[in-house]
């Protein structure tokens, strides 16, 4: 049986990926840092290790024990705001953490395929004459998080060039779906559900004119698997739909899916001052591997609403039981 190691397997992408691989008969091992609530439903179908990615000896120990055939490196500090508040920690986790993993894999020498998940944030945002963004596009990082991912990306490429480690680099654009926290679609969906339940009066929003390339998480894990199976070591692949969605149009779709009357209020404090508004990727290299998205944006948004309806109902039940 093939063995796969997922770092950060309790995260949004990692948890979906773990279940996807288990269902394909792969023995899945994962590192976790702050709990395993997202993968709790997998029970003993997954083997997990408590492992801080900055604990060099622990990372090496896990790699030595598992001796994986396939690795997906997802452990990261993946939010922009904390990268401004603590850029040092962001660089330590995203760069040193990647270095420790690559060094461990190089030393163990089991010749695994290593998929290093970087970020489309490396590209920054573009004018319409520069779209879609190709893998060959220059880097224009606009925050410490994006700079750290550029460094991670280049480091992973170096290990392919220098040591022949079978590294494949991936630059995902916006990935969303049921269970994600803190992205714009999730915030909209949760706010609408709270309006439906009478828990808030209005939905406060920021910039609705930004355009983003969005892929459903279930299509994204298919893409990750396809790149691991068919991708060329040393190459870089975008994960993206190749379509741009105006944020305000996504909000309109969500509002139409609700039976509630949703009052939308412009909140200038939610608008970033960068003026960077468009990011659409080129997915031709991924499509050439045989991938194509299967889930419509309407299906994604509908499932996100249903997720929050179930979650809010569950939270309300727990509160009710505690208050008895």
C-alpha atoms as a PDB file:
ATOM      1  CA  UNK A   1       0.000   0.000   0.000  1.00  0.00           C
ATOM      2  CA  UNK A   2       1.300   3.455  -0.883  1.00  0.00           C
ATOM      3  CA  UNK A   3       2.045   5.740   2.039  1.00  0.00           C
ATOM      4  CA  UNK A   4       1.323   9.462   2.015  1.00  0.00           C
ATOM      5  CA  UNK A   5       2.410  12.074   4.545  1.00  0.00           C
ATOM      6  CA  UNK A   6       0.373  15.296   4.797  1.00  0.00           C
ATOM      7  CA  UNK A   7       1.825  18.098   6.895  1.00  0.00           C
ATOM      8  CA  UNK A   8      -0.895  20.279   8.377  1.00  0.00           C
ATOM      9  CA  UNK A   9      -3.526  17.617   7.743  1.00  0.00           C
ATOM     10  CA  UNK A  10      -5.995  19.156  10.206  1.00  0.00           C
ATOM     11  CA  UNK A  11      -6.274  22.308   8.110  1.00  0.00           C
ATOM     12  CA  UNK A  12      -9.018  23.069   5.614  1.00  0.00           C
ATOM     13  CA  UNK A  13      -7.242  21.681   2.534  1.00  0.00           C
ATOM     14  CA  UNK A  14      -5.394  18.975   4.455  1.00  0.00           C
ATOM     15  CA  UNK A  15      -8.548  17.470   5.950  1.00  0.00           C
ATOM     16  CA  UNK A  16     -10.303  17.240   2.583  1.00  0.00           C
ATOM     17  CA  UNK A  17      -7.166  15.813   0.992  1.00  0.00           C
ATOM     18  CA  UNK A  18      -6.734  13.196   3.723  1.00  0.00           C
ATOM     19  CA  UNK A  19     -10.254  11.860   3.222  1.00  0.00           C
ATOM     20  CA  UNK A  20      -9.823  11.926  -0.562  1.00  0.00           C
ATOM     21  CA  UNK A  21      -6.644   9.827  -0.390  1.00  0.00           C
ATOM     22  CA  UNK A  22      -8.009   7.370   2.169  1.00  0.00           C
ATOM     23  CA  UNK A  23     -10.967   6.714  -0.107  1.00  0.00           C
ATOM     24  CA  UNK A  24      -8.461   5.776  -2.823  1.00  0.00           C
ATOM     25  CA  UNK A  25      -6.835   3.129  -0.699  1.00  0.00           C
ATOM     26  CA  UNK A  26      -3.747   5.085   0.302  1.00  0.00           C
ATOM     27  CA  UNK A  27      -2.317   4.827   3.804  1.00  0.00           C
ATOM     28  CA  UNK A  28      -2.438   8.401   5.085  1.00  0.00           C
ATOM     29  CA  UNK A  29      -0.223   9.842   7.812  1.00  0.00           C
ATOM     30  CA  UNK A  30      -0.514  13.430   8.935  1.00  0.00           C
ATOM     31  CA  UNK A  31       1.118  15.961  11.190  1.00  0.00           C
ATOM     32  CA  UNK A  32      -1.140  18.003  13.449  1.00  0.00           C
ATOM     33  CA  UNK A  33      -0.286  21.003  15.587  1.00  0.00           C
ATOM     34  CA  UNK A  34      -3.429  22.340  17.265  1.00  0.00           C
ATOM     35  CA  UNK A  35      -5.901  19.482  17.539  1.00  0.00           C
ATOM     36  CA  UNK A  36      -7.508  17.167  15.002  1.00  0.00           C
ATOM     37  CA  UNK A  37     -11.147  18.276  14.983  1.00  0.00           C
ATOM     38  CA  UNK A  38     -11.360  18.488  11.179  1.00  0.00           C
ATOM     39  CA  UNK A  39     -10.173  14.904  10.776  1.00  0.00           C
ATOM     40  CA  UNK A  40     -11.812  13.408  13.868  1.00  0.00           C
ATOM     41  CA  UNK A  41     -14.434  11.715  11.680  1.00  0.00           C
ATOM     42  CA  UNK A  42     -11.678   9.703   9.988  1.00  0.00           C
ATOM     43  CA  UNK A  43     -10.943   7.901  13.262  1.00  0.00           C
ATOM     44  CA  UNK A  44      -8.234   5.270  12.982  1.00  0.00           C
ATOM     45  CA  UNK A  45      -8.299   5.435   9.188  1.00  0.00           C
ATOM     46  CA  UNK A  46      -5.554   8.054   9.486  1.00  0.00           C
ATOM     47  CA  UNK A  47      -2.394   7.968  11.591  1.00  0.00           C
ATOM     48  CA  UNK A  48      -1.471  11.336  13.063  1.00  0.00           C
ATOM     49  CA  UNK A  49       1.608  12.736  14.744  1.00  0.00           C
ATOM     50  CA  UNK A  50       1.742  15.745  17.046  1.00  0.00           C
ATOM     51  CA  UNK A  51       4.408  17.766  15.278  1.00  0.00           C
ATOM     52  CA  UNK A  52       5.364  21.421  15.253  1.00  0.00           C
ATOM     53  CA  UNK A  53       6.832  22.044  11.802  1.00  0.00           C
ATOM     54  CA  UNK A  54       9.612  24.115  13.411  1.00  0.00           C
ATOM     55  CA  UNK A  55      10.715  21.172  15.566  1.00  0.00           C
ATOM     56  CA  UNK A  56      13.490  19.951  13.295  1.00  0.00           C
ATOM     57  CA  UNK A  57      14.174  16.718  15.157  1.00  0.00           C
ATOM     58  CA  UNK A  58      10.485  15.823  15.387  1.00  0.00           C
ATOM     59  CA  UNK A  59       9.971  16.440  11.664  1.00  0.00           C
ATOM     60  CA  UNK A  60      12.910  14.169  10.877  1.00  0.00           C
ATOM     61  CA  UNK A  61      11.576  11.523  13.261  1.00  0.00           C
ATOM     62  CA  UNK A  62       8.144  11.503  11.593  1.00  0.00           C
ATOM     63  CA  UNK A  63       9.637  11.253   8.102  1.00  0.00           C
ATOM     64  CA  UNK A  64      11.938   8.444   9.255  1.00  0.00           C
ATOM     65  CA  UNK A  65       9.043   6.511  10.779  1.00  0.00           C
ATOM     66  CA  UNK A  66       6.633   6.897   7.862  1.00  0.00           C
ATOM     67  CA  UNK A  67       9.102   6.693   4.946  1.00  0.00           C
ATOM     68  CA  UNK A  68       6.429   8.111   2.638  1.00  0.00           C
ATOM     69  CA  UNK A  69       6.037   7.482  -1.078  1.00  0.00           C
ATOM     70  CA  UNK A  70       4.163  10.764  -1.419  1.00  0.00           C
ATOM     71  CA  UNK A  71       4.239  14.002   0.582  1.00  0.00           C
ATOM     72  CA  UNK A  72       1.910  17.005   0.536  1.00  0.00           C
ATOM     73  CA  UNK A  73       3.389  19.933   2.415  1.00  0.00           C
ATOM     74  CA  UNK A  74       0.510  22.081   3.680  1.00  0.00           C
ATOM     75  CA  UNK A  75       1.674  23.176   7.134  1.00  0.00           C
ATOM     76  CA  UNK A  76       1.927  26.974   6.997  1.00  0.00           C
ATOM     77  CA  UNK A  77       1.054  30.338   8.454  1.00  0.00           C
ATOM     78  CA  UNK A  78      -1.407  31.131   5.711  1.00  0.00           C
ATOM     79  CA  UNK A  79      -3.046  34.440   6.630  1.00  0.00           C
ATOM     80  CA  UNK A  80      -2.055  37.918   5.522  1.00  0.00           C
ATOM     81  CA  UNK A  81      -2.988  39.932   8.634  1.00  0.00           C
ATOM     82  CA  UNK A  82      -0.844  37.893  11.066  1.00  0.00           C
ATOM     83  CA  UNK A  83       2.062  38.169   8.631  1.00  0.00           C
ATOM     84  CA  UNK A  84       2.057  41.955   9.148  1.00  0.00           C
ATOM     85  CA  UNK A  85       1.697  41.571  12.917  1.00  0.00           C
ATOM     86  CA  UNK A  86       4.449  38.973  13.248  1.00  0.00           C
ATOM     87  CA  UNK A  87       6.442  38.668  10.015  1.00  0.00           C
ATOM     88  CA  UNK A  88       9.254  36.786  11.741  1.00  0.00           C
ATOM     89  CA  UNK A  89       6.968  33.931  12.777  1.00  0.00           C
ATOM     90  CA  UNK A  90       5.464  33.813   9.284  1.00  0.00           C
ATOM     91  CA  UNK A  91       8.924  33.432   7.739  1.00  0.00           C
ATOM     92  CA  UNK A  92       9.985  30.871  10.324  1.00  0.00           C
ATOM     93  CA  UNK A  93       6.971  28.639   9.725  1.00  0.00           C
ATOM     94  CA  UNK A  94       6.768  28.985   5.949  1.00  0.00           C
ATOM     95  CA  UNK A  95      10.476  28.994   5.102  1.00  0.00           C
ATOM     96  CA  UNK A  96      12.297  27.209   7.907  1.00  0.00           C
ATOM     97  CA  UNK A  97       9.456  24.699   8.256  1.00  0.00           C
ATOM     98  CA  UNK A  98       9.783  23.860   4.563  1.00  0.00           C
ATOM     99  CA  UNK A  99      13.565  23.640   4.875  1.00  0.00           C
ATOM    100  CA  UNK A 100      13.350  21.184   7.778  1.00  0.00           C
ATOM    101  CA  UNK A 101      10.922  18.962   5.870  1.00  0.00           C
ATOM    102  CA  UNK A 102      12.969  18.977   2.656  1.00  0.00           C
ATOM    103  CA  UNK A 103      16.155  18.238   4.582  1.00  0.00           C
ATOM    104  CA  UNK A 104      14.475  15.320   6.366  1.00  0.00           C
ATOM    105  CA  UNK A 105      13.223  13.920   3.067  1.00  0.00           C
ATOM    106  CA  UNK A 106      16.646  14.318   1.484  1.00  0.00           C
ATOM    107  CA  UNK A 107      18.334  12.462   4.342  1.00  0.00           C
ATOM    108  CA  UNK A 108      15.840   9.603   4.504  1.00  0.00           C
ATOM    109  CA  UNK A 109      16.256   9.121   0.718  1.00  0.00           C
ATOM    110  CA  UNK A 110      13.049   7.154  -0.045  1.00  0.00           C
ATOM    111  CA  UNK A 111      12.662   9.173  -3.279  1.00  0.00           C
ATOM    112  CA  UNK A 112       9.093  10.370  -2.632  1.00  0.00           C
ATOM    113  CA  UNK A 113       7.088  12.738  -4.805  1.00  0.00           C
ATOM    114  CA  UNK A 114       6.859  15.963  -2.790  1.00  0.00           C
ATOM    115  CA  UNK A 115       4.048  18.404  -3.530  1.00  0.00           C
ATOM    116  CA  UNK A 116       4.882  21.749  -1.925  1.00  0.00           C
ATOM    117  CA  UNK A 117       1.790  23.941  -1.710  1.00  0.00           C
ATOM    118  CA  UNK A 118       2.865  27.539  -2.253  1.00  0.00           C
ATOM    119  CA  UNK A 119       0.456  30.400  -3.126  1.00  0.00           C
ATOM    120  CA  UNK A 120      -0.845  32.569  -5.936  1.00  0.00           C
ATOM    121  CA  UNK A 121      -0.208  35.466  -3.541  1.00  0.00           C
ATOM    122  CA  UNK A 122       3.330  35.302  -4.922  1.00  0.00           C
ATOM    123  CA  UNK A 123       2.070  36.863  -8.155  1.00  0.00           C
ATOM    124  CA  UNK A 124       0.274  39.782  -6.537  1.00  0.00           C
ATOM    125  CA  UNK A 125      -2.537  41.457  -8.472  1.00  0.00           C
ATOM    126  CA  UNK A 126      -2.525  42.487 -12.135  1.00  0.00           C
ATOM    127  CA  UNK A 127      -4.037  44.818 -14.648  1.00  0.00           C
ATOM    128  CA  UNK A 128      -6.426  43.361 -17.188  1.00  0.00           C
ATOM    129  CA  UNK A 129      -3.718  43.401 -19.867  1.00  0.00           C
ATOM    130  CA  UNK A 130      -1.645  40.963 -17.770  1.00  0.00           C
ATOM    131  CA  UNK A 131      -4.334  38.322 -17.327  1.00  0.00           C
ATOM    132  CA  UNK A 132      -4.582  35.398 -16.966  1.00  0.00           C
ATOM    133  CA  UNK A 133      -1.595  34.898 -14.670  1.00  0.00           C
ATOM    134  CA  UNK A 134       0.715  32.147 -15.893  1.00  0.00           C
ATOM    135  CA  UNK A 135       3.239  30.146 -13.907  1.00  0.00           C
ATOM    136  CA  UNK A 136       5.948  32.100 -15.736  1.00  0.00           C
ATOM    137  CA  UNK A 137       4.586  35.471 -14.550  1.00  0.00           C
ATOM    138  CA  UNK A 138       6.934  37.500 -12.378  1.00  0.00           C
ATOM    139  CA  UNK A 139       6.514  37.602  -8.637  1.00  0.00           C
ATOM    140  CA  UNK A 140       4.971  40.761  -7.165  1.00  0.00           C
ATOM    141  CA  UNK A 141       4.327  39.889  -3.514  1.00  0.00           C
ATOM    142  CA  UNK A 142       2.554  42.655  -1.613  1.00  0.00           C
ATOM    143  CA  UNK A 143       2.716  41.455   2.012  1.00  0.00           C
ATOM    144  CA  UNK A 144       5.049  39.443   4.258  1.00  0.00           C
ATOM    145  CA  UNK A 145       2.980  36.285   3.797  1.00  0.00           C
ATOM    146  CA  UNK A 146       3.394  36.440   0.018  1.00  0.00           C
ATOM    147  CA  UNK A 147       7.119  37.126   0.314  1.00  0.00           C
ATOM    148  CA  UNK A 148       7.490  34.102   2.601  1.00  0.00           C
ATOM    149  CA  UNK A 149       5.736  31.924   0.017  1.00  0.00           C
ATOM    150  CA  UNK A 150       8.083  33.189  -2.709  1.00  0.00           C
ATOM    151  CA  UNK A 151      10.998  32.108  -0.528  1.00  0.00           C
ATOM    152  CA  UNK A 152       9.360  28.723   0.123  1.00  0.00           C
ATOM    153  CA  UNK A 153       8.738  28.274  -3.597  1.00  0.00           C
ATOM    154  CA  UNK A 154      12.328  29.073  -4.569  1.00  0.00           C
ATOM    155  CA  UNK A 155      13.690  26.859  -1.799  1.00  0.00           C
ATOM    156  CA  UNK A 156      11.615  23.891  -2.979  1.00  0.00           C
ATOM    157  CA  UNK A 157      12.792  24.459  -6.550  1.00  0.00           C
ATOM    158  CA  UNK A 158      16.400  24.513  -5.334  1.00  0.00           C
ATOM    159  CA  UNK A 159      16.026  21.067  -3.752  1.00  0.00           C
ATOM    160  CA  UNK A 160      14.889  19.707  -7.121  1.00  0.00           C
ATOM    161  CA  UNK A 161      17.743  21.364  -8.976  1.00  0.00           C
ATOM    162  CA  UNK A 162      20.459  20.511  -6.465  1.00  0.00           C
ATOM    163  CA  UNK A 163      19.450  17.159  -4.976  1.00  0.00           C
ATOM    164  CA  UNK A 164      17.010  15.747  -7.506  1.00  0.00           C
ATOM    165  CA  UNK A 165      14.246  15.618  -4.882  1.00  0.00           C
ATOM    166  CA  UNK A 166      11.063  15.025  -6.861  1.00  0.00           C
ATOM    167  CA  UNK A 167       9.443  18.314  -5.898  1.00  0.00           C
ATOM    168  CA  UNK A 168       6.321  19.664  -7.599  1.00  0.00           C
ATOM    169  CA  UNK A 169       5.338  23.199  -6.665  1.00  0.00           C
ATOM    170  CA  UNK A 170       1.709  24.261  -6.585  1.00  0.00           C
ATOM    171  CA  UNK A 171       0.350  27.808  -6.541  1.00  0.00           C
ATOM    172  CA  UNK A 172      -3.330  27.730  -5.554  1.00  0.00           C
ATOM    173  CA  UNK A 173      -5.516  30.748  -6.168  1.00  0.00           C
ATOM    174  CA  UNK A 174      -8.612  31.175  -3.958  1.00  0.00           C
ATOM    175  CA  UNK A 175      -9.851  27.792  -2.722  1.00  0.00           C
ATOM    176  CA  UNK A 176     -13.160  27.783  -0.906  1.00  0.00           C
ATOM    177  CA  UNK A 177     -15.941  25.457   0.147  1.00  0.00           C
ATOM    178  CA  UNK A 178     -17.871  24.085   3.111  1.00  0.00           C
ATOM    179  CA  UNK A 179     -15.864  24.348   6.319  1.00  0.00           C
ATOM    180  CA  UNK A 180     -13.449  27.116   5.424  1.00  0.00           C
ATOM    181  CA  UNK A 181     -13.163  29.927   7.941  1.00  0.00           C
ATOM    182  CA  UNK A 182     -12.426  33.573   7.331  1.00  0.00           C
ATOM    183  CA  UNK A 183     -12.634  33.890   3.556  1.00  0.00           C
ATOM    184  CA  UNK A 184     -15.086  36.264   1.924  1.00  0.00           C
ATOM    185  CA  UNK A 185     -17.553  33.626   0.670  1.00  0.00           C
ATOM    186  CA  UNK A 186     -17.617  31.922   4.056  1.00  0.00           C
ATOM    187  CA  UNK A 187     -18.115  35.240   5.869  1.00  0.00           C
ATOM    188  CA  UNK A 188     -20.994  36.147   3.549  1.00  0.00           C
ATOM    189  CA  UNK A 189     -22.627  32.732   3.942  1.00  0.00           C
ATOM    190  CA  UNK A 190     -22.326  32.748   7.724  1.00  0.00           C
ATOM    191  CA  UNK A 191     -23.674  36.296   7.955  1.00  0.00           C
ATOM    192  CA  UNK A 192     -26.689  35.433   5.802  1.00  0.00           C
ATOM    193  CA  UNK A 193     -27.450  32.376   7.941  1.00  0.00           C
ATOM    194  CA  UNK A 194     -27.245  34.530  11.074  1.00  0.00           C
ATOM    195  CA  UNK A 195     -29.734  36.941   9.470  1.00  0.00           C
ATOM    196  CA  UNK A 196     -32.013  33.988   8.681  1.00  0.00           C
ATOM    197  CA  UNK A 197     -31.872  33.000  12.346  1.00  0.00           C
ATOM    198  CA  UNK A 198     -32.503  36.531  13.610  1.00  0.00           C
ATOM    199  CA  UNK A 199     -29.007  36.797  15.111  1.00  0.00           C
ATOM    200  CA  UNK A 200     -27.994  39.907  13.192  1.00  0.00           C
ATOM    201  CA  UNK A 201     -29.823  42.715  11.386  1.00  0.00           C
ATOM    202  CA  UNK A 202     -27.547  43.358   8.431  1.00  0.00           C
ATOM    203  CA  UNK A 203     -24.506  42.108   6.542  1.00  0.00           C
ATOM    204  CA  UNK A 204     -21.535  44.465   6.665  1.00  0.00           C
ATOM    205  CA  UNK A 205     -19.350  44.229   3.567  1.00  0.00           C
ATOM    206  CA  UNK A 206     -16.155  45.733   2.181  1.00  0.00           C
ATOM    207  CA  UNK A 207     -14.988  46.000  -1.421  1.00  0.00           C
ATOM    208  CA  UNK A 208     -17.468  44.249  -3.692  1.00  0.00           C
ATOM    209  CA  UNK A 209     -15.714  45.082  -6.970  1.00  0.00           C
ATOM    210  CA  UNK A 210     -12.614  42.925  -6.482  1.00  0.00           C
ATOM    211  CA  UNK A 211     -12.357  39.985  -8.875  1.00  0.00           C
ATOM    212  CA  UNK A 212     -11.028  36.619  -7.736  1.00  0.00           C
ATOM    213  CA  UNK A 213     -10.337  33.240  -9.322  1.00  0.00           C
ATOM    214  CA  UNK A 214     -12.155  30.694  -7.153  1.00  0.00           C
ATOM    215  CA  UNK A 215     -11.961  26.890  -7.083  1.00  0.00           C
ATOM    216  CA  UNK A 216     -14.061  24.529  -4.973  1.00  0.00           C
ATOM    217  CA  UNK A 217     -12.044  22.589  -2.392  1.00  0.00           C
ATOM    218  CA  UNK A 218     -13.292  19.277  -3.795  1.00  0.00           C
ATOM    219  CA  UNK A 219     -11.978  20.156  -7.245  1.00  0.00           C
ATOM    220  CA  UNK A 220      -8.763  21.432  -5.665  1.00  0.00           C
ATOM    221  CA  UNK A 221      -7.920  18.124  -3.968  1.00  0.00           C
ATOM    222  CA  UNK A 222      -8.541  16.339  -7.277  1.00  0.00           C
ATOM    223  CA  UNK A 223      -6.036  18.754  -8.787  1.00  0.00           C
ATOM    224  CA  UNK A 224      -3.468  18.064  -6.065  1.00  0.00           C
ATOM    225  CA  UNK A 225      -3.820  14.335  -6.604  1.00  0.00           C
ATOM    226  CA  UNK A 226      -3.500  14.690 -10.374  1.00  0.00           C
ATOM    227  CA  UNK A 227      -0.358  16.765 -10.045  1.00  0.00           C
ATOM    228  CA  UNK A 228       1.161  14.185  -7.705  1.00  0.00           C
ATOM    229  CA  UNK A 229       0.318  11.390 -10.142  1.00  0.00           C
ATOM    230  CA  UNK A 230       1.003  13.072 -13.467  1.00  0.00           C
ATOM    231  CA  UNK A 231       2.913  16.250 -12.745  1.00  0.00           C
ATOM    232  CA  UNK A 232       6.535  16.665 -13.735  1.00  0.00           C
ATOM    233  CA  UNK A 233       9.074  17.063 -10.911  1.00  0.00           C
ATOM    234  CA  UNK A 234      10.637  20.493 -10.941  1.00  0.00           C
ATOM    235  CA  UNK A 235       7.547  22.060 -12.527  1.00  0.00           C
ATOM    236  CA  UNK A 236       5.134  24.624 -11.127  1.00  0.00           C
ATOM    237  CA  UNK A 237       1.344  24.365 -11.560  1.00  0.00           C
ATOM    238  CA  UNK A 238      -1.425  26.837 -10.813  1.00  0.00           C
ATOM    239  CA  UNK A 239      -4.596  25.542  -9.215  1.00  0.00           C
ATOM    240  CA  UNK A 240      -7.327  27.823 -10.455  1.00  0.00           C
ATOM    241  CA  UNK A 241     -10.605  27.837 -12.337  1.00  0.00           C
ATOM    242  CA  UNK A 242      -9.388  30.312 -14.942  1.00  0.00           C
ATOM    243  CA  UNK A 243     -12.508  32.377 -14.282  1.00  0.00           C
ATOM    244  CA  UNK A 244     -12.851  35.690 -12.498  1.00  0.00           C
ATOM    245  CA  UNK A 245     -15.746  36.246 -10.122  1.00  0.00           C
ATOM    246  CA  UNK A 246     -16.688  39.713  -8.923  1.00  0.00           C
ATOM    247  CA  UNK A 247     -17.177  39.546  -5.149  1.00  0.00           C
ATOM    248  CA  UNK A 248     -20.429  41.507  -5.322  1.00  0.00           C
ATOM    249  CA  UNK A 249     -21.853  38.999  -7.823  1.00  0.00           C
ATOM    250  CA  UNK A 250     -21.039  36.139  -5.472  1.00  0.00           C
ATOM    251  CA  UNK A 251     -22.868  37.972  -2.695  1.00  0.00           C
ATOM    252  CA  UNK A 252     -25.873  38.441  -4.968  1.00  0.00           C
ATOM    253  CA  UNK A 253     -25.951  34.694  -5.673  1.00  0.00           C
ATOM    254  CA  UNK A 254     -25.875  33.884  -1.960  1.00  0.00           C
ATOM    255  CA  UNK A 255     -28.615  36.398  -1.192  1.00  0.00           C
ATOM    256  CA  UNK A 256     -30.849  34.874  -3.873  1.00  0.00           C
ATOM    257  CA  UNK A 257     -30.351  31.428  -2.301  1.00  0.00           C
ATOM    258  CA  UNK A 258     -31.734  32.668   1.012  1.00  0.00           C
ATOM    259  CA  UNK A 259     -35.362  33.083   1.983  1.00  0.00           C
ATOM    260  CA  UNK A 260     -34.437  35.996   4.250  1.00  0.00           C
ATOM    261  CA  UNK A 261     -34.383  39.667   3.371  1.00  0.00           C
ATOM    262  CA  UNK A 262     -30.687  40.503   3.542  1.00  0.00           C
ATOM    263  CA  UNK A 263     -29.774  44.124   4.172  1.00  0.00           C
ATOM    264  CA  UNK A 264     -26.268  44.863   2.929  1.00  0.00           C
ATOM    265  CA  UNK A 265     -24.316  47.692   4.557  1.00  0.00           C
ATOM    266  CA  UNK A 266     -21.076  49.092   3.159  1.00  0.00           C
ATOM    267  CA  UNK A 267     -18.369  49.061   5.838  1.00  0.00           C
ATOM    268  CA  UNK A 268     -15.342  51.114   4.805  1.00  0.00           C
ATOM    269  CA  UNK A 269     -13.245  49.587   7.589  1.00  0.00           C
ATOM    270  CA  UNK A 270     -13.381  46.291   5.677  1.00  0.00           C
ATOM    271  CA  UNK A 271     -11.836  47.792   2.538  1.00  0.00           C
ATOM    272  CA  UNK A 272      -8.126  47.304   2.082  1.00  0.00           C
ATOM    273  CA  UNK A 273      -6.256  50.348   0.925  1.00  0.00           C
ATOM    274  CA  UNK A 274      -4.032  48.667  -1.667  1.00  0.00           C
ATOM    275  CA  UNK A 275      -6.349  49.175  -4.636  1.00  0.00           C
ATOM    276  CA  UNK A 276      -5.294  45.742  -5.953  1.00  0.00           C
ATOM    277  CA  UNK A 277      -8.450  44.168  -7.246  1.00  0.00           C
ATOM    278  CA  UNK A 278      -7.998  41.511  -9.957  1.00  0.00           C
ATOM    279  CA  UNK A 279      -6.441  38.057  -9.845  1.00  0.00           C
ATOM    280  CA  UNK A 280      -7.304  35.422 -12.460  1.00  0.00           C
ATOM    281  CA  UNK A 281      -5.082  32.417 -13.140  1.00  0.00           C
ATOM    282  CA  UNK A 282      -4.117  30.421 -16.195  1.00  0.00           C
ATOM    283  CA  UNK A 283      -4.791  26.714 -15.602  1.00  0.00           C
ATOM    284  CA  UNK A 284      -3.655  25.328 -18.984  1.00  0.00           C
ATOM    285  CA  UNK A 285      -0.789  23.312 -17.518  1.00  0.00           C
ATOM    286  CA  UNK A 286      -3.150  21.686 -15.034  1.00  0.00           C
ATOM    287  CA  UNK A 287      -5.796  21.036 -17.686  1.00  0.00           C
ATOM    288  CA  UNK A 288      -3.137  19.342 -19.832  1.00  0.00           C
ATOM    289  CA  UNK A 289      -2.737  16.783 -17.035  1.00  0.00           C
ATOM    290  CA  UNK A 290      -6.424  15.891 -17.488  1.00  0.00           C
ATOM    291  CA  UNK A 291      -8.016  18.033 -14.778  1.00  0.00           C
ATOM    292  CA  UNK A 292     -11.135  20.105 -15.154  1.00  0.00           C
ATOM    293  CA  UNK A 293     -13.386  21.577 -12.462  1.00  0.00           C
ATOM    294  CA  UNK A 294     -16.591  19.640 -11.823  1.00  0.00           C
ATOM    295  CA  UNK A 295     -18.361  21.796  -9.246  1.00  0.00           C
ATOM    296  CA  UNK A 296     -20.145  24.990 -10.258  1.00  0.00           C
ATOM    297  CA  UNK A 297     -19.780  28.171  -8.242  1.00  0.00           C
ATOM    298  CA  UNK A 298     -23.515  27.959  -7.470  1.00  0.00           C
ATOM    299  CA  UNK A 299     -23.051  24.476  -5.976  1.00  0.00           C
ATOM    300  CA  UNK A 300     -20.099  25.689  -3.909  1.00  0.00           C
ATOM    301  CA  UNK A 301     -22.039  28.650  -2.494  1.00  0.00           C
ATOM    302  CA  UNK A 302     -25.149  26.574  -1.802  1.00  0.00           C
ATOM    303  CA  UNK A 303     -23.125  23.970   0.071  1.00  0.00           C
ATOM    304  CA  UNK A 304     -21.442  26.705   2.113  1.00  0.00           C
ATOM    305  CA  UNK A 305     -24.832  28.077   3.161  1.00  0.00           C
ATOM    306  CA  UNK A 306     -25.940  24.573   4.143  1.00  0.00           C
ATOM    307  CA  UNK A 307     -22.734  24.077   6.126  1.00  0.00           C
ATOM    308  CA  UNK A 308     -23.343  27.214   8.172  1.00  0.00           C
ATOM    309  CA  UNK A 309     -27.017  26.373   8.681  1.00  0.00           C
ATOM    310  CA  UNK A 310     -26.005  23.029  10.195  1.00  0.00           C
ATOM    311  CA  UNK A 311     -23.120  24.519  12.179  1.00  0.00           C
ATOM    312  CA  UNK A 312     -25.158  27.385  13.635  1.00  0.00           C
ATOM    313  CA  UNK A 313     -27.947  24.975  14.558  1.00  0.00           C
ATOM    314  CA  UNK A 314     -25.434  22.688  16.266  1.00  0.00           C
ATOM    315  CA  UNK A 315     -23.856  25.585  18.172  1.00  0.00           C
ATOM    316  CA  UNK A 316     -27.284  26.780  19.303  1.00  0.00           C
ATOM    317  CA  UNK A 317     -28.143  23.269  20.548  1.00  0.00           C
ATOM    318  CA  UNK A 318     -24.921  23.089  22.574  1.00  0.00           C
ATOM    319  CA  UNK A 319     -25.572  26.512  24.117  1.00  0.00           C
ATOM    320  CA  UNK A 320     -29.109  25.433  24.987  1.00  0.00           C
ATOM    321  CA  UNK A 321     -27.889  22.280  26.709  1.00  0.00           C
ATOM    322  CA  UNK A 322     -25.268  24.230  28.670  1.00  0.00           C
ATOM    323  CA  UNK A 323     -27.893  26.721  29.838  1.00  0.00           C
ATOM    324  CA  UNK A 324     -30.294  24.110  31.212  1.00  0.00           C
END
